[in-house]
């Protein structure tokens, strides 16, 4: 009888230790999951902020201003436009030009 009681006591202690270990591991994993979810939210917010910034940087007015200031470009007007006339040779006529 004492032998059976010792075996049962050892089984109860082993299951109690296993339960404590399982609860600890569960809490650790839950904390890790919570951190991962928080990081995911932070990255999503950063991504949205960068998308808004990208759209703000690519506005037509800003691109035009940068083209004028940095690249020294200017708007095409008839005064500065040069038109190239087709020479009318056989190579030009075969390429879709007017004879």
N, C-alpha and C. Protein backbone atom coordinates (compact mmCIF):
# COMPACT_ATOMS: atom_id res chain seq x y z
N UNK A 1 0.82 -1.20 0.00
CA UNK A 1 0.00 0.00 0.00
C UNK A 1 0.86 1.26 0.00
N UNK A 2 1.93 1.22 0.80
CA UNK A 2 2.83 2.39 0.87
C UNK A 2 3.49 2.60 -0.50
N UNK A 3 3.83 1.48 -1.13
CA UNK A 3 4.46 1.56 -2.44
C UNK A 3 3.51 2.23 -3.46
N UNK A 4 2.27 1.88 -3.46
CA UNK A 4 1.26 2.48 -4.34
C UNK A 4 1.10 3.96 -4.04
N UNK A 5 1.10 4.32 -2.74
CA UNK A 5 0.97 5.73 -2.36
C UNK A 5 2.17 6.55 -2.85
N UNK A 6 3.36 5.98 -2.77
CA UNK A 6 4.56 6.68 -3.25
C UNK A 6 4.50 6.87 -4.77
N UNK A 7 4.07 5.86 -5.48
CA UNK A 7 3.94 5.97 -6.94
C UNK A 7 2.91 7.03 -7.30
N UNK A 8 1.78 7.03 -6.59
CA UNK A 8 0.75 8.04 -6.86
C UNK A 8 1.24 9.45 -6.50
N UNK A 9 2.00 9.56 -5.39
CA UNK A 9 2.56 10.85 -4.99
C UNK A 9 3.53 11.36 -6.05
N UNK A 10 4.38 10.49 -6.55
CA UNK A 10 5.31 10.88 -7.61
C UNK A 10 4.56 11.27 -8.88
N UNK A 11 3.50 10.57 -9.19
CA UNK A 11 2.71 10.91 -10.38
C UNK A 11 2.05 12.27 -10.21
N UNK A 12 1.54 12.56 -9.03
CA UNK A 12 0.92 13.86 -8.77
C UNK A 12 1.96 14.97 -8.85
N UNK A 13 3.14 14.76 -8.26
CA UNK A 13 4.20 15.76 -8.32
C UNK A 13 4.66 16.00 -9.76
N UNK A 14 4.82 14.93 -10.51
CA UNK A 14 5.23 15.07 -11.90
C UNK A 14 4.18 15.83 -12.72
N UNK A 15 2.92 15.51 -12.51
CA UNK A 15 1.88 16.22 -13.26
C UNK A 15 1.79 17.68 -12.82
N UNK A 16 2.04 17.96 -11.53
CA UNK A 16 2.02 19.34 -11.05
C UNK A 16 3.17 20.14 -11.67
N UNK A 17 4.36 19.53 -11.72
CA UNK A 17 5.50 20.21 -12.35
C UNK A 17 5.26 20.43 -13.84
N UNK A 18 4.67 19.44 -14.49
CA UNK A 18 4.36 19.59 -15.91
C UNK A 18 3.34 20.70 -16.13
N UNK A 19 2.35 20.80 -15.25
CA UNK A 19 1.33 21.85 -15.35
C UNK A 19 1.95 23.22 -15.17
N UNK A 20 2.84 23.37 -14.19
CA UNK A 20 3.52 24.65 -13.96
C UNK A 20 4.35 25.02 -15.18
N UNK A 21 5.09 24.04 -15.72
CA UNK A 21 5.90 24.30 -16.91
C UNK A 21 5.03 24.71 -18.10
N UNK A 22 3.92 24.03 -18.29
CA UNK A 22 3.01 24.34 -19.40
C UNK A 22 2.41 25.74 -19.25
N UNK A 23 2.02 26.10 -18.06
CA UNK A 23 1.48 27.45 -17.83
C UNK A 23 2.54 28.52 -18.08
N UNK A 24 3.76 28.26 -17.63
CA UNK A 24 4.85 29.21 -17.86
C UNK A 24 5.10 29.38 -19.35
N UNK A 25 5.17 28.28 -20.07
CA UNK A 25 5.41 28.33 -21.52
C UNK A 25 4.26 29.05 -22.23
N UNK A 26 3.04 28.80 -21.78
CA UNK A 26 1.88 29.46 -22.37
C UNK A 26 1.95 30.96 -22.17
N UNK A 27 2.29 31.40 -20.98
CA UNK A 27 2.41 32.84 -20.70
C UNK A 27 3.53 33.47 -21.52
N UNK A 28 4.65 32.74 -21.63
CA UNK A 28 5.78 33.26 -22.41
C UNK A 28 5.39 33.42 -23.88
N UNK A 29 4.71 32.44 -24.42
CA UNK A 29 4.29 32.51 -25.82
C UNK A 29 3.24 33.61 -26.03
N UNK A 30 2.34 33.79 -25.07
CA UNK A 30 1.35 34.84 -25.19
C UNK A 30 2.02 36.21 -25.19
N UNK A 31 3.02 36.39 -24.32
CA UNK A 31 3.75 37.65 -24.28
C UNK A 31 4.48 37.90 -25.59
N UNK A 32 5.08 36.85 -26.13
CA UNK A 32 5.78 36.98 -27.41
C UNK A 32 4.80 37.32 -28.54
N UNK A 33 3.64 36.70 -28.52
CA UNK A 33 2.61 37.01 -29.52
C UNK A 33 2.14 38.45 -29.39
N UNK A 34 1.96 38.92 -28.18
CA UNK A 34 1.53 40.29 -27.95
C UNK A 34 2.57 41.28 -28.48
N UNK A 35 3.83 40.98 -28.26
CA UNK A 35 4.90 41.85 -28.79
C UNK A 35 4.90 41.85 -30.30
N UNK A 36 4.70 40.68 -30.90
CA UNK A 36 4.68 40.58 -32.36
C UNK A 36 3.50 41.35 -32.95
N UNK A 37 2.36 41.29 -32.29
CA UNK A 37 1.18 42.04 -32.77
C UNK A 37 1.44 43.54 -32.66
N UNK A 38 2.05 43.97 -31.56
CA UNK A 38 2.37 45.39 -31.39
C UNK A 38 3.36 45.85 -32.45
N UNK A 39 4.36 45.03 -32.74
CA UNK A 39 5.33 45.37 -33.78
C UNK A 39 4.66 45.43 -35.15
N UNK A 40 3.74 44.52 -35.39
CA UNK A 40 3.00 44.52 -36.65
C UNK A 40 2.19 45.81 -36.81
N UNK A 41 1.53 46.22 -35.75
CA UNK A 41 0.76 47.48 -35.80
C UNK A 41 1.68 48.67 -36.04
N UNK A 42 2.84 48.67 -35.39
CA UNK A 42 3.78 49.76 -35.57
C UNK A 42 4.27 49.82 -37.01
N UNK A 43 4.59 48.65 -37.57
CA UNK A 43 5.05 48.62 -38.95
C UNK A 43 3.95 49.01 -39.93
N UNK A 44 2.73 48.62 -39.66
CA UNK A 44 1.60 49.01 -40.53
C UNK A 44 1.40 50.53 -40.50
N UNK A 45 1.50 51.11 -39.31
CA UNK A 45 1.38 52.56 -39.19
C UNK A 45 2.50 53.26 -39.94
N UNK A 46 3.72 52.75 -39.81
CA UNK A 46 4.86 53.32 -40.52
C UNK A 46 4.67 53.20 -42.03
N UNK A 47 4.15 52.06 -42.47
CA UNK A 47 3.91 51.86 -43.91
C UNK A 47 2.88 52.86 -44.42
N UNK A 48 1.81 53.07 -43.68
CA UNK A 48 0.79 54.03 -44.10
C UNK A 48 1.36 55.44 -44.14
N UNK A 49 2.18 55.79 -43.15
CA UNK A 49 2.79 57.12 -43.12
C UNK A 49 3.71 57.31 -44.33
N UNK A 50 4.47 56.28 -44.66
CA UNK A 50 5.36 56.38 -45.82
C UNK A 50 4.58 56.46 -47.13
N UNK A 51 3.44 55.77 -47.21
CA UNK A 51 2.61 55.88 -48.41
C UNK A 51 2.08 57.29 -48.58
N UNK A 52 1.64 57.90 -47.48
CA UNK A 52 1.15 59.28 -47.55
C UNK A 52 2.28 60.22 -47.97
N UNK A 53 3.46 60.01 -47.40
CA UNK A 53 4.61 60.85 -47.75
C UNK A 53 4.99 60.68 -49.21
N UNK A 54 4.92 59.44 -49.69
CA UNK A 54 5.23 59.17 -51.10
C UNK A 54 4.26 59.89 -52.02
N UNK A 55 2.95 59.83 -51.67
CA UNK A 55 1.96 60.54 -52.49
C UNK A 55 2.19 62.04 -52.44
N UNK A 56 2.59 62.56 -51.29
CA UNK A 56 2.84 64.00 -51.18
C UNK A 56 4.06 64.41 -52.00
N UNK A 57 5.07 63.54 -52.06
CA UNK A 57 6.29 63.87 -52.80
C UNK A 57 6.07 63.79 -54.32
N UNK A 58 5.10 63.04 -54.76
CA UNK A 58 4.90 62.81 -56.19
C UNK A 58 3.81 63.67 -56.80
N UNK A 59 3.43 64.76 -56.16
CA UNK A 59 2.39 65.61 -56.75
C UNK A 59 2.94 66.29 -58.01
N UNK A 60 2.09 66.52 -58.99
CA UNK A 60 2.56 67.13 -60.24
C UNK A 60 3.21 68.50 -60.03
N UNK A 61 2.67 69.30 -59.12
CA UNK A 61 3.27 70.62 -58.89
C UNK A 61 4.67 70.50 -58.32
N UNK A 62 4.88 69.58 -57.42
CA UNK A 62 6.22 69.41 -56.82
C UNK A 62 7.20 68.89 -57.87
N UNK A 63 6.76 67.94 -58.70
CA UNK A 63 7.64 67.41 -59.74
C UNK A 63 8.00 68.52 -60.73
N UNK A 64 7.03 69.33 -61.09
CA UNK A 64 7.31 70.43 -62.01
C UNK A 64 8.29 71.43 -61.40
N UNK A 65 8.11 71.75 -60.13
CA UNK A 65 9.02 72.69 -59.46
C UNK A 65 10.44 72.13 -59.39
N UNK A 66 10.57 70.85 -59.08
CA UNK A 66 11.90 70.23 -59.06
C UNK A 66 12.52 70.21 -60.45
N UNK A 67 11.71 69.96 -61.48
CA UNK A 67 12.23 69.96 -62.84
C UNK A 67 12.75 71.35 -63.22
N UNK A 68 12.04 72.38 -62.81
CA UNK A 68 12.50 73.75 -63.10
C UNK A 68 13.75 74.11 -62.31
N UNK A 69 13.72 73.83 -61.01
CA UNK A 69 14.81 74.27 -60.13
C UNK A 69 16.08 73.44 -60.31
N UNK A 70 15.97 72.14 -60.21
CA UNK A 70 17.17 71.30 -60.21
C UNK A 70 17.65 70.93 -61.62
N UNK A 71 16.74 70.70 -62.53
CA UNK A 71 17.12 70.25 -63.87
C UNK A 71 17.13 71.37 -64.90
N UNK A 72 16.78 72.57 -64.47
CA UNK A 72 16.77 73.74 -65.35
C UNK A 72 15.87 73.51 -66.57
N UNK A 73 14.76 72.82 -66.36
CA UNK A 73 13.83 72.55 -67.45
C UNK A 73 12.81 73.69 -67.50
N UNK A 74 12.18 73.84 -68.65
CA UNK A 74 11.14 74.85 -68.77
C UNK A 74 9.99 74.29 -69.60
N UNK A 75 8.85 74.93 -69.50
CA UNK A 75 7.66 74.47 -70.20
C UNK A 75 7.84 74.67 -71.70
N UNK A 76 7.39 73.70 -72.47
CA UNK A 76 7.50 73.79 -73.93
C UNK A 76 6.49 74.80 -74.45
N UNK A 77 6.99 75.75 -75.20
CA UNK A 77 6.13 76.75 -75.86
C UNK A 77 6.44 76.73 -77.35
N UNK A 78 5.55 77.26 -78.17
CA UNK A 78 5.83 77.29 -79.62
C UNK A 78 7.09 78.10 -79.94
N UNK A 79 7.46 79.07 -79.12
CA UNK A 79 8.64 79.89 -79.40
C UNK A 79 9.93 79.08 -79.28
N UNK A 80 9.96 78.10 -78.43
CA UNK A 80 11.19 77.33 -78.25
C UNK A 80 11.12 75.94 -78.85
N UNK A 81 10.02 75.60 -79.48
CA UNK A 81 9.85 74.27 -80.07
C UNK A 81 10.45 74.25 -81.46
N UNK A 82 11.24 73.23 -81.73
CA UNK A 82 11.83 73.07 -83.06
C UNK A 82 11.18 71.86 -83.72
N UNK A 83 10.67 72.06 -84.89
CA UNK A 83 10.01 71.00 -85.64
C UNK A 83 10.99 70.45 -86.67
N UNK A 84 11.03 69.15 -86.81
CA UNK A 84 11.93 68.50 -87.76
C UNK A 84 11.08 68.04 -88.93
N UNK A 85 11.49 68.44 -90.12
CA UNK A 85 10.77 68.06 -91.33
C UNK A 85 11.39 66.80 -91.91
N UNK A 86 10.53 65.95 -92.48
CA UNK A 86 10.98 64.74 -93.13
C UNK A 86 11.67 65.11 -94.43
N UNK A 87 12.80 64.48 -94.72
CA UNK A 87 13.57 64.78 -95.93
C UNK A 87 12.85 64.30 -97.18
N UNK A 88 11.94 63.35 -97.07
CA UNK A 88 11.17 62.87 -98.21
C UNK A 88 11.90 61.83 -99.05
N UNK A 89 12.97 61.28 -98.58
CA UNK A 89 13.72 60.25 -99.31
C UNK A 89 13.02 58.91 -99.27
N UNK A 90 13.54 57.91 -100.00
CA UNK A 90 12.90 56.60 -100.05
C UNK A 90 12.89 55.91 -98.69
N UNK A 91 13.92 56.07 -97.89
CA UNK A 91 13.95 55.43 -96.57
C UNK A 91 12.87 56.04 -95.66
N UNK A 92 12.67 57.34 -95.80
CA UNK A 92 11.67 58.03 -94.97
C UNK A 92 10.27 57.62 -95.40
N UNK A 93 10.04 57.42 -96.71
CA UNK A 93 8.72 57.06 -97.20
C UNK A 93 8.37 55.63 -96.75
N UNK A 94 9.35 54.74 -96.71
CA UNK A 94 9.08 53.38 -96.28
C UNK A 94 8.87 53.27 -94.77
N UNK A 95 9.33 54.26 -94.04
CA UNK A 95 9.23 54.22 -92.58
C UNK A 95 7.92 54.84 -92.10
N UNK A 96 7.02 55.16 -92.97
CA UNK A 96 5.73 55.71 -92.54
C UNK A 96 5.66 57.21 -92.67
N UNK A 97 6.65 57.85 -93.25
CA UNK A 97 6.63 59.30 -93.43
C UNK A 97 5.84 59.67 -94.67
N UNK A 98 5.63 60.95 -94.87
CA UNK A 98 4.92 61.39 -96.07
C UNK A 98 5.91 61.59 -97.21
N UNK A 99 5.56 61.23 -98.45
CA UNK A 99 6.50 61.36 -99.59
C UNK A 99 6.67 62.78 -100.04
